[in-house]
Amino acid sequence: MSSNRVARTSIALAVAATAALGLSACGAGESTASAADSSASSSFGRPEPVATIPAVPGGSTAVALDTGFTDALTQLGLTPGTVGSATLDGATGTITFPITGGTVTLFDRESGYRPWVQGTLFHEGSGLSLTAGGTTVELTDFTIDPGKPARLFGNVSVNGELAVPSAPLFDLDGSTLNPPTTSAGSAELDGTTVELSPEAAELLNATFGTDALTGGFVVGTSTITVETE
């Protein structure tokens, strides 16, 4: 394997790590930083990054919807759908959102600097809709923020009118992550649990006149595929 391919593979894994919902930009075994880690980070200062990707070329975020979530939607009379370029596979219950851009900066993991993977991923022009009666809520234009805690933000519209911009929609639990894998031109990381945020639960309850949705409700499990070339 050439040195260029080794470098691309290393960066690909870093991109996948950042993209993975809930990785918290630390790694599967470091989703929660200790106080010692935090103090160590501040004492080290910001080192030179190992690699920087100013423009992620593309990819997708797919979420296999949990049966508990889809059953709850059915009981509430809510019908899920897609917005824009998102797709929903009825056979597998998986909804997919194209990655439209983002940035990644990778630091030496052994340096003690945290978070060692930093970045943002965008999913513009796609989203998830929930419809009941004459009311349709659209959750769109997702932005993954792999911070502490890791969250996914998006715009909320009700019947075509923007209600809340950049709302925290989902909390991201990386404790179930699988090791990343690579293939020609892409990297993949799956296993992050996607949970409904308390803010989104409150908003949806108010909009649809229910109190059945709560923060922490498991929405599904993500698979991130990031193009590296």
C-alpha atoms as a PDB file:
ATOM      1  CA  MET A   1       0.000   0.000   0.000  1.00  0.00           C
ATOM      2  CA  SER A   2       1.431   3.419  -0.975  1.00  0.00           C
ATOM      3  CA  SER A   3       2.076   6.127   1.605  1.00  0.00           C
ATOM      4  CA  ASN A   4      -0.634   8.263  -0.003  1.00  0.00           C
ATOM      5  CA  ARG A   5      -3.163   5.441   0.317  1.00  0.00           C
ATOM      6  CA  VAL A   6      -2.145   4.876   3.963  1.00  0.00           C
ATOM      7  CA  ALA A   7      -2.673   8.581   4.655  1.00  0.00           C
ATOM      8  CA  ARG A   8      -6.065   8.556   2.919  1.00  0.00           C
ATOM      9  CA  THR A   9      -7.119   5.476   4.879  1.00  0.00           C
ATOM     10  CA  SER A  10      -6.087   7.053   8.191  1.00  0.00           C
ATOM     11  CA  ILE A  11      -7.974  10.225   7.364  1.00  0.00           C
ATOM     12  CA  ALA A  12     -10.946   8.164   6.182  1.00  0.00           C
ATOM     13  CA  LEU A  13     -11.174   6.490   9.565  1.00  0.00           C
ATOM     14  CA  ALA A  14     -11.018   9.903  11.225  1.00  0.00           C
ATOM     15  CA  VAL A  15     -13.800  11.188   8.984  1.00  0.00           C
ATOM     16  CA  ALA A  16     -15.903   8.150   9.801  1.00  0.00           C
ATOM     17  CA  ALA A  17     -15.241   8.677  13.490  1.00  0.00           C
ATOM     18  CA  THR A  18     -16.368  12.285  13.296  1.00  0.00           C
ATOM     19  CA  ALA A  19     -19.369  11.428  11.165  1.00  0.00           C
ATOM     20  CA  ALA A  20     -20.552   8.667  13.433  1.00  0.00           C
ATOM     21  CA  LEU A  21     -23.507   9.909  15.426  1.00  0.00           C
ATOM     22  CA  GLY A  22     -22.548  10.115  19.063  1.00  0.00           C
ATOM     23  CA  LEU A  23     -18.852   9.433  18.776  1.00  0.00           C
ATOM     24  CA  SER A  24     -18.283  12.682  20.684  1.00  0.00           C
ATOM     25  CA  ALA A  25     -15.144  13.218  18.618  1.00  0.00           C
ATOM     26  CA  CYS A  26     -13.117  10.991  20.924  1.00  0.00           C
ATOM     27  CA  GLY A  27     -13.397   7.385  19.822  1.00  0.00           C
ATOM     28  CA  ALA A  28     -15.669   4.494  20.714  1.00  0.00           C
ATOM     29  CA  GLY A  29     -14.033   3.970  24.092  1.00  0.00           C
ATOM     30  CA  GLU A  30     -13.837   7.668  24.959  1.00  0.00           C
ATOM     31  CA  SER A  31     -17.359   8.964  24.505  1.00  0.00           C
ATOM     32  CA  THR A  32     -17.242  10.587  27.934  1.00  0.00           C
ATOM     33  CA  ALA A  33     -14.138  12.534  28.914  1.00  0.00           C
ATOM     34  CA  SER A  34     -12.998  12.506  32.528  1.00  0.00           C
ATOM     35  CA  ALA A  35     -12.053  15.597  34.494  1.00  0.00           C
ATOM     36  CA  ALA A  36      -8.438  14.476  34.213  1.00  0.00           C
ATOM     37  CA  ASP A  37      -8.761  14.371  30.411  1.00  0.00           C
ATOM     38  CA  SER A  38     -10.222  17.883  30.378  1.00  0.00           C
ATOM     39  CA  SER A  39      -7.470  19.345  32.521  1.00  0.00           C
ATOM     40  CA  ALA A  40      -4.836  17.524  30.495  1.00  0.00           C
ATOM     41  CA  SER A  41      -6.254  18.977  27.287  1.00  0.00           C
ATOM     42  CA  SER A  42      -6.062  22.528  28.580  1.00  0.00           C
ATOM     43  CA  SER A  43      -2.498  22.078  29.784  1.00  0.00           C
ATOM     44  CA  PHE A  44      -1.303  20.650  26.471  1.00  0.00           C
ATOM     45  CA  GLY A  45      -2.585  23.570  24.389  1.00  0.00           C
ATOM     46  CA  ARG A  46      -3.634  23.149  20.782  1.00  0.00           C
ATOM     47  CA  PRO A  47      -1.067  21.075  18.856  1.00  0.00           C
ATOM     48  CA  GLU A  48      -0.618  21.057  15.117  1.00  0.00           C
ATOM     49  CA  PRO A  49      -3.242  18.812  13.491  1.00  0.00           C
ATOM     50  CA  VAL A  50      -2.173  15.568  11.850  1.00  0.00           C
ATOM     51  CA  ALA A  51      -4.578  16.164   8.971  1.00  0.00           C
ATOM     52  CA  THR A  52      -7.271  18.598   7.927  1.00  0.00           C
ATOM     53  CA  ILE A  53     -10.073  17.948   5.451  1.00  0.00           C
ATOM     54  CA  PRO A  54     -11.592  21.321   4.556  1.00  0.00           C
ATOM     55  CA  ALA A  55     -14.364  19.804   2.422  1.00  0.00           C
ATOM     56  CA  VAL A  56     -15.829  16.321   2.964  1.00  0.00           C
ATOM     57  CA  PRO A  57     -16.811  15.192  -0.569  1.00  0.00           C
ATOM     58  CA  GLY A  58     -20.003  13.320   0.316  1.00  0.00           C
ATOM     59  CA  GLY A  59     -21.521  10.133   1.660  1.00  0.00           C
ATOM     60  CA  SER A  60     -24.656   9.302   3.627  1.00  0.00           C
ATOM     61  CA  THR A  61     -26.094   8.875   7.103  1.00  0.00           C
ATOM     62  CA  ALA A  62     -28.568   6.001   7.342  1.00  0.00           C
ATOM     63  CA  VAL A  63     -30.717   5.286  10.390  1.00  0.00           C
ATOM     64  CA  ALA A  64     -32.391   1.906  10.831  1.00  0.00           C
ATOM     65  CA  LEU A  65     -35.548   2.923  12.668  1.00  0.00           C
ATOM     66  CA  ASP A  66     -36.159   1.017  15.901  1.00  0.00           C
ATOM     67  CA  THR A  67     -39.379  -0.993  15.959  1.00  0.00           C
ATOM     68  CA  GLY A  68     -40.249   0.574  19.295  1.00  0.00           C
ATOM     69  CA  PHE A  69     -40.115   3.991  17.639  1.00  0.00           C
ATOM     70  CA  THR A  70     -42.155   3.003  14.598  1.00  0.00           C
ATOM     71  CA  ASP A  71     -44.706   1.219  16.814  1.00  0.00           C
ATOM     72  CA  ALA A  72     -45.031   4.371  18.918  1.00  0.00           C
ATOM     73  CA  LEU A  73     -45.594   6.456  15.780  1.00  0.00           C
ATOM     74  CA  THR A  74     -48.330   4.050  14.675  1.00  0.00           C
ATOM     75  CA  GLN A  75     -50.032   4.222  18.070  1.00  0.00           C
ATOM     76  CA  LEU A  76     -49.927   8.023  17.924  1.00  0.00           C
ATOM     77  CA  GLY A  77     -51.293   8.067  14.381  1.00  0.00           C
ATOM     78  CA  LEU A  78     -48.071   9.600  13.016  1.00  0.00           C
ATOM     79  CA  THR A  79     -46.880   8.636   9.547  1.00  0.00           C
ATOM     80  CA  PRO A  80     -43.141   9.010   8.853  1.00  0.00           C
ATOM     81  CA  GLY A  81     -41.914  10.187   5.473  1.00  0.00           C
ATOM     82  CA  THR A  82     -38.956  11.780   3.727  1.00  0.00           C
ATOM     83  CA  VAL A  83     -38.117  15.315   2.703  1.00  0.00           C
ATOM     84  CA  GLY A  84     -36.022  16.317  -0.303  1.00  0.00           C
ATOM     85  CA  SER A  85     -33.222  13.906  -1.179  1.00  0.00           C
ATOM     86  CA  ALA A  86     -33.793  11.580   1.796  1.00  0.00           C
ATOM     87  CA  THR A  87     -34.985   8.042   1.047  1.00  0.00           C
ATOM     88  CA  LEU A  88     -36.961   5.527   3.110  1.00  0.00           C
ATOM     89  CA  ASP A  89     -36.626   1.794   2.506  1.00  0.00           C
ATOM     90  CA  GLY A  90     -39.968   0.347   3.523  1.00  0.00           C
ATOM     91  CA  ALA A  91     -38.621  -3.206   3.569  1.00  0.00           C
ATOM     92  CA  THR A  92     -35.842  -2.499   6.080  1.00  0.00           C
ATOM     93  CA  GLY A  93     -37.252   0.569   7.809  1.00  0.00           C
ATOM     94  CA  THR A  94     -34.067   2.514   7.063  1.00  0.00           C
ATOM     95  CA  ILE A  95     -34.075   6.225   6.286  1.00  0.00           C
ATOM     96  CA  THR A  96     -31.025   7.680   4.519  1.00  0.00           C
ATOM     97  CA  PHE A  97     -29.812  11.273   4.362  1.00  0.00           C
ATOM     98  CA  PRO A  98     -27.049  12.305   1.904  1.00  0.00           C
ATOM     99  CA  ILE A  99     -23.998  14.039   3.389  1.00  0.00           C
ATOM    100  CA  THR A 100     -23.591  17.324   1.511  1.00  0.00           C
ATOM    101  CA  GLY A 101     -20.404  18.648   3.087  1.00  0.00           C
ATOM    102  CA  GLY A 102     -18.424  19.225   6.222  1.00  0.00           C
ATOM    103  CA  THR A 103     -14.947  19.603   7.645  1.00  0.00           C
ATOM    104  CA  VAL A 104     -12.658  17.392   9.689  1.00  0.00           C
ATOM    105  CA  THR A 105      -9.508  18.121  11.680  1.00  0.00           C
ATOM    106  CA  LEU A 106      -7.507  15.219  13.116  1.00  0.00           C
ATOM    107  CA  PHE A 107      -5.011  15.495  15.992  1.00  0.00           C
ATOM    108  CA  ASP A 108      -2.580  12.878  17.291  1.00  0.00           C
ATOM    109  CA  ARG A 109      -4.674  10.729  19.629  1.00  0.00           C
ATOM    110  CA  GLU A 110      -1.650  10.014  21.827  1.00  0.00           C
ATOM    111  CA  SER A 111      -0.922  13.714  22.364  1.00  0.00           C
ATOM    112  CA  GLY A 112      -3.562  13.970  25.103  1.00  0.00           C
ATOM    113  CA  TYR A 113      -5.384  16.734  23.247  1.00  0.00           C
ATOM    114  CA  ARG A 114      -9.165  16.340  23.344  1.00  0.00           C
ATOM    115  CA  PRO A 115     -11.288  16.112  21.348  1.00  0.00           C
ATOM    116  CA  TRP A 116      -8.743  14.536  19.000  1.00  0.00           C
ATOM    117  CA  VAL A 117     -11.187  14.456  16.081  1.00  0.00           C
ATOM    118  CA  GLN A 118     -13.103  17.639  15.380  1.00  0.00           C
ATOM    119  CA  GLY A 119     -15.520  18.607  12.655  1.00  0.00           C
ATOM    120  CA  THR A 120     -19.051  19.068  11.403  1.00  0.00           C
ATOM    121  CA  LEU A 121     -21.123  17.179   8.847  1.00  0.00           C
ATOM    122  CA  PHE A 122     -24.006  18.702   6.897  1.00  0.00           C
ATOM    123  CA  HIS A 123     -27.080  17.079   5.351  1.00  0.00           C
ATOM    124  CA  GLU A 124     -28.677  19.961   3.482  1.00  0.00           C
ATOM    125  CA  GLY A 125     -31.814  19.502   1.434  1.00  0.00           C
ATOM    126  CA  SER A 126     -33.128  16.363   3.145  1.00  0.00           C
ATOM    127  CA  GLY A 127     -34.977  15.324   6.250  1.00  0.00           C
ATOM    128  CA  LEU A 128     -37.708  13.378   8.044  1.00  0.00           C
ATOM    129  CA  SER A 129     -41.398  14.229   8.104  1.00  0.00           C
ATOM    130  CA  LEU A 130     -44.119  13.221  10.568  1.00  0.00           C
ATOM    131  CA  THR A 131     -47.750  13.638   9.564  1.00  0.00           C
ATOM    132  CA  ALA A 132     -51.015  13.297  11.476  1.00  0.00           C
ATOM    133  CA  GLY A 133     -54.319  14.586  10.142  1.00  0.00           C
ATOM    134  CA  GLY A 134     -53.719  18.003   8.643  1.00  0.00           C
ATOM    135  CA  THR A 135     -50.416  18.598  10.434  1.00  0.00           C
ATOM    136  CA  THR A 136     -47.001  17.811   8.983  1.00  0.00           C
ATOM    137  CA  VAL A 137     -43.764  18.430  10.865  1.00  0.00           C
ATOM    138  CA  GLU A 138     -40.536  18.408   8.858  1.00  0.00           C
ATOM    139  CA  LEU A 139     -37.122  17.952  10.474  1.00  0.00           C
ATOM    140  CA  THR A 140     -34.539  18.996   7.879  1.00  0.00           C
ATOM    141  CA  ASP A 141     -31.016  20.173   7.054  1.00  0.00           C
ATOM    142  CA  PHE A 142     -29.276  18.122   9.728  1.00  0.00           C
ATOM    143  CA  THR A 143     -25.933  19.127  11.207  1.00  0.00           C
ATOM    144  CA  ILE A 144     -23.941  16.621  13.238  1.00  0.00           C
ATOM    145  CA  ASP A 145     -22.056  18.209  16.128  1.00  0.00           C
ATOM    146  CA  PRO A 146     -19.749  15.594  17.699  1.00  0.00           C
ATOM    147  CA  GLY A 147     -19.297  17.582  20.892  1.00  0.00           C
ATOM    148  CA  LYS A 148     -19.927  16.731  24.518  1.00  0.00           C
ATOM    149  CA  PRO A 149     -22.710  15.734  24.476  1.00  0.00           C
ATOM    150  CA  ALA A 150     -22.913  14.737  20.812  1.00  0.00           C
ATOM    151  CA  ARG A 151     -26.092  15.978  19.169  1.00  0.00           C
ATOM    152  CA  LEU A 152     -27.774  16.384  15.822  1.00  0.00           C
ATOM    153  CA  PHE A 153     -29.360  19.739  15.029  1.00  0.00           C
ATOM    154  CA  GLY A 154     -31.888  20.614  12.329  1.00  0.00           C
ATOM    155  CA  ASN A 155     -34.622  22.973  11.240  1.00  0.00           C
ATOM    156  CA  VAL A 156     -38.215  22.302  12.312  1.00  0.00           C
ATOM    157  CA  SER A 157     -41.095  23.343  10.064  1.00  0.00           C
ATOM    158  CA  VAL A 158     -44.834  22.919  10.668  1.00  0.00           C
ATOM    159  CA  ASN A 159     -47.055  22.812   7.585  1.00  0.00           C
ATOM    160  CA  GLY A 160     -44.340  24.435   5.509  1.00  0.00           C
ATOM    161  CA  GLU A 161     -43.579  27.269   7.936  1.00  0.00           C
ATOM    162  CA  LEU A 162     -40.248  27.380   9.787  1.00  0.00           C
ATOM    163  CA  ALA A 163     -40.973  26.968  13.498  1.00  0.00           C
ATOM    164  CA  VAL A 164     -37.528  26.501  15.079  1.00  0.00           C
ATOM    165  CA  PRO A 165     -34.162  26.867  13.299  1.00  0.00           C
ATOM    166  CA  SER A 166     -31.169  24.739  14.311  1.00  0.00           C
ATOM    167  CA  ALA A 167     -33.048  22.876  17.041  1.00  0.00           C
ATOM    168  CA  PRO A 168     -31.352  20.030  18.977  1.00  0.00           C
ATOM    169  CA  LEU A 169     -33.313  17.087  17.588  1.00  0.00           C
ATOM    170  CA  PHE A 170     -31.423  13.934  18.535  1.00  0.00           C
ATOM    171  CA  ASP A 171     -28.943  12.894  21.197  1.00  0.00           C
ATOM    172  CA  LEU A 172     -26.247  10.508  20.087  1.00  0.00           C
ATOM    173  CA  ASP A 173     -24.944   7.594  22.131  1.00  0.00           C
ATOM    174  CA  GLY A 174     -21.639   6.240  20.837  1.00  0.00           C
ATOM    175  CA  SER A 175     -21.221   3.493  23.435  1.00  0.00           C
ATOM    176  CA  THR A 176     -22.535   0.912  20.940  1.00  0.00           C
ATOM    177  CA  LEU A 177     -20.223   1.879  18.076  1.00  0.00           C
ATOM    178  CA  ASN A 178     -18.495  -0.748  15.960  1.00  0.00           C
ATOM    179  CA  PRO A 179     -14.912  -0.345  14.675  1.00  0.00           C
ATOM    180  CA  PRO A 180     -14.741   1.585  11.377  1.00  0.00           C
ATOM    181  CA  THR A 181     -14.167  -0.217   8.094  1.00  0.00           C
ATOM    182  CA  THR A 182     -12.836   1.080   4.784  1.00  0.00           C
ATOM    183  CA  SER A 183     -13.216   0.180   1.136  1.00  0.00           C
ATOM    184  CA  ALA A 184     -12.191   1.863  -2.093  1.00  0.00           C
ATOM    185  CA  GLY A 185     -13.095   5.519  -1.802  1.00  0.00           C
ATOM    186  CA  SER A 186     -15.166   5.320   1.379  1.00  0.00           C
ATOM    187  CA  ALA A 187     -15.188   4.625   5.098  1.00  0.00           C
ATOM    188  CA  GLU A 188     -18.043   3.236   7.185  1.00  0.00           C
ATOM    189  CA  LEU A 189     -18.882   3.253  10.863  1.00  0.00           C
ATOM    190  CA  ASP A 190     -22.110   1.955  12.359  1.00  0.00           C
ATOM    191  CA  GLY A 191     -23.735   1.196  15.671  1.00  0.00           C
ATOM    192  CA  THR A 192     -24.392   4.623  17.217  1.00  0.00           C
ATOM    193  CA  THR A 193     -27.769   4.794  18.964  1.00  0.00           C
ATOM    194  CA  VAL A 194     -29.919   7.769  17.951  1.00  0.00           C
ATOM    195  CA  GLU A 195     -32.240   9.073  20.672  1.00  0.00           C
ATOM    196  CA  LEU A 196     -34.962  11.712  20.626  1.00  0.00           C
ATOM    197  CA  SER A 197     -33.823  14.850  22.439  1.00  0.00           C
ATOM    198  CA  PRO A 198     -35.918  16.295  25.291  1.00  0.00           C
ATOM    199  CA  GLU A 199     -36.369  19.503  23.271  1.00  0.00           C
ATOM    200  CA  ALA A 200     -37.664  17.646  20.216  1.00  0.00           C
ATOM    201  CA  ALA A 201     -39.968  15.488  22.350  1.00  0.00           C
ATOM    202  CA  GLU A 202     -41.488  18.579  23.933  1.00  0.00           C
ATOM    203  CA  LEU A 203     -41.969  20.265  20.565  1.00  0.00           C
ATOM    204  CA  LEU A 204     -43.572  17.208  18.937  1.00  0.00           C
ATOM    205  CA  ASN A 205     -45.847  16.615  21.931  1.00  0.00           C
ATOM    206  CA  ALA A 206     -47.068  20.209  21.793  1.00  0.00           C
ATOM    207  CA  THR A 207     -47.585  20.115  18.034  1.00  0.00           C
ATOM    208  CA  PHE A 208     -49.486  16.822  17.924  1.00  0.00           C
ATOM    209  CA  GLY A 209     -51.308  17.204  21.250  1.00  0.00           C
ATOM    210  CA  THR A 210     -49.779  14.280  23.128  1.00  0.00           C
ATOM    211  CA  ASP A 211     -47.451  13.596  26.044  1.00  0.00           C
ATOM    212  CA  ALA A 212     -46.274  10.166  24.869  1.00  0.00           C
ATOM    213  CA  LEU A 213     -42.859  11.198  23.525  1.00  0.00           C
ATOM    214  CA  THR A 214     -39.943  11.655  25.906  1.00  0.00           C
ATOM    215  CA  GLY A 215     -36.292  12.544  25.704  1.00  0.00           C
ATOM    216  CA  GLY A 216     -34.080   9.485  25.372  1.00  0.00           C
ATOM    217  CA  PHE A 217     -36.635   7.555  23.313  1.00  0.00           C
ATOM    218  CA  VAL A 218     -34.578   5.331  20.974  1.00  0.00           C
ATOM    219  CA  VAL A 219     -35.152   6.307  17.344  1.00  0.00           C
ATOM    220  CA  GLY A 220     -32.760   3.842  15.728  1.00  0.00           C
ATOM    221  CA  THR A 221     -29.175   2.906  14.936  1.00  0.00           C
ATOM    222  CA  SER A 222     -26.989   4.772  12.475  1.00  0.00           C
ATOM    223  CA  THR A 223     -24.629   3.720   9.697  1.00  0.00           C
ATOM    224  CA  ILE A 224     -22.342   6.430   8.346  1.00  0.00           C
ATOM    225  CA  THR A 225     -20.703   6.077   4.940  1.00  0.00           C
ATOM    226  CA  VAL A 226     -18.212   8.833   4.142  1.00  0.00           C
ATOM    227  CA  GLU A 227     -16.660   9.337   0.728  1.00  0.00           C
ATOM    228  CA  THR A 228     -12.915   9.856   0.977  1.00  0.00           C
ATOM    229  CA  GLU A 229     -12.016  10.494  -2.667  1.00  0.00           C
END
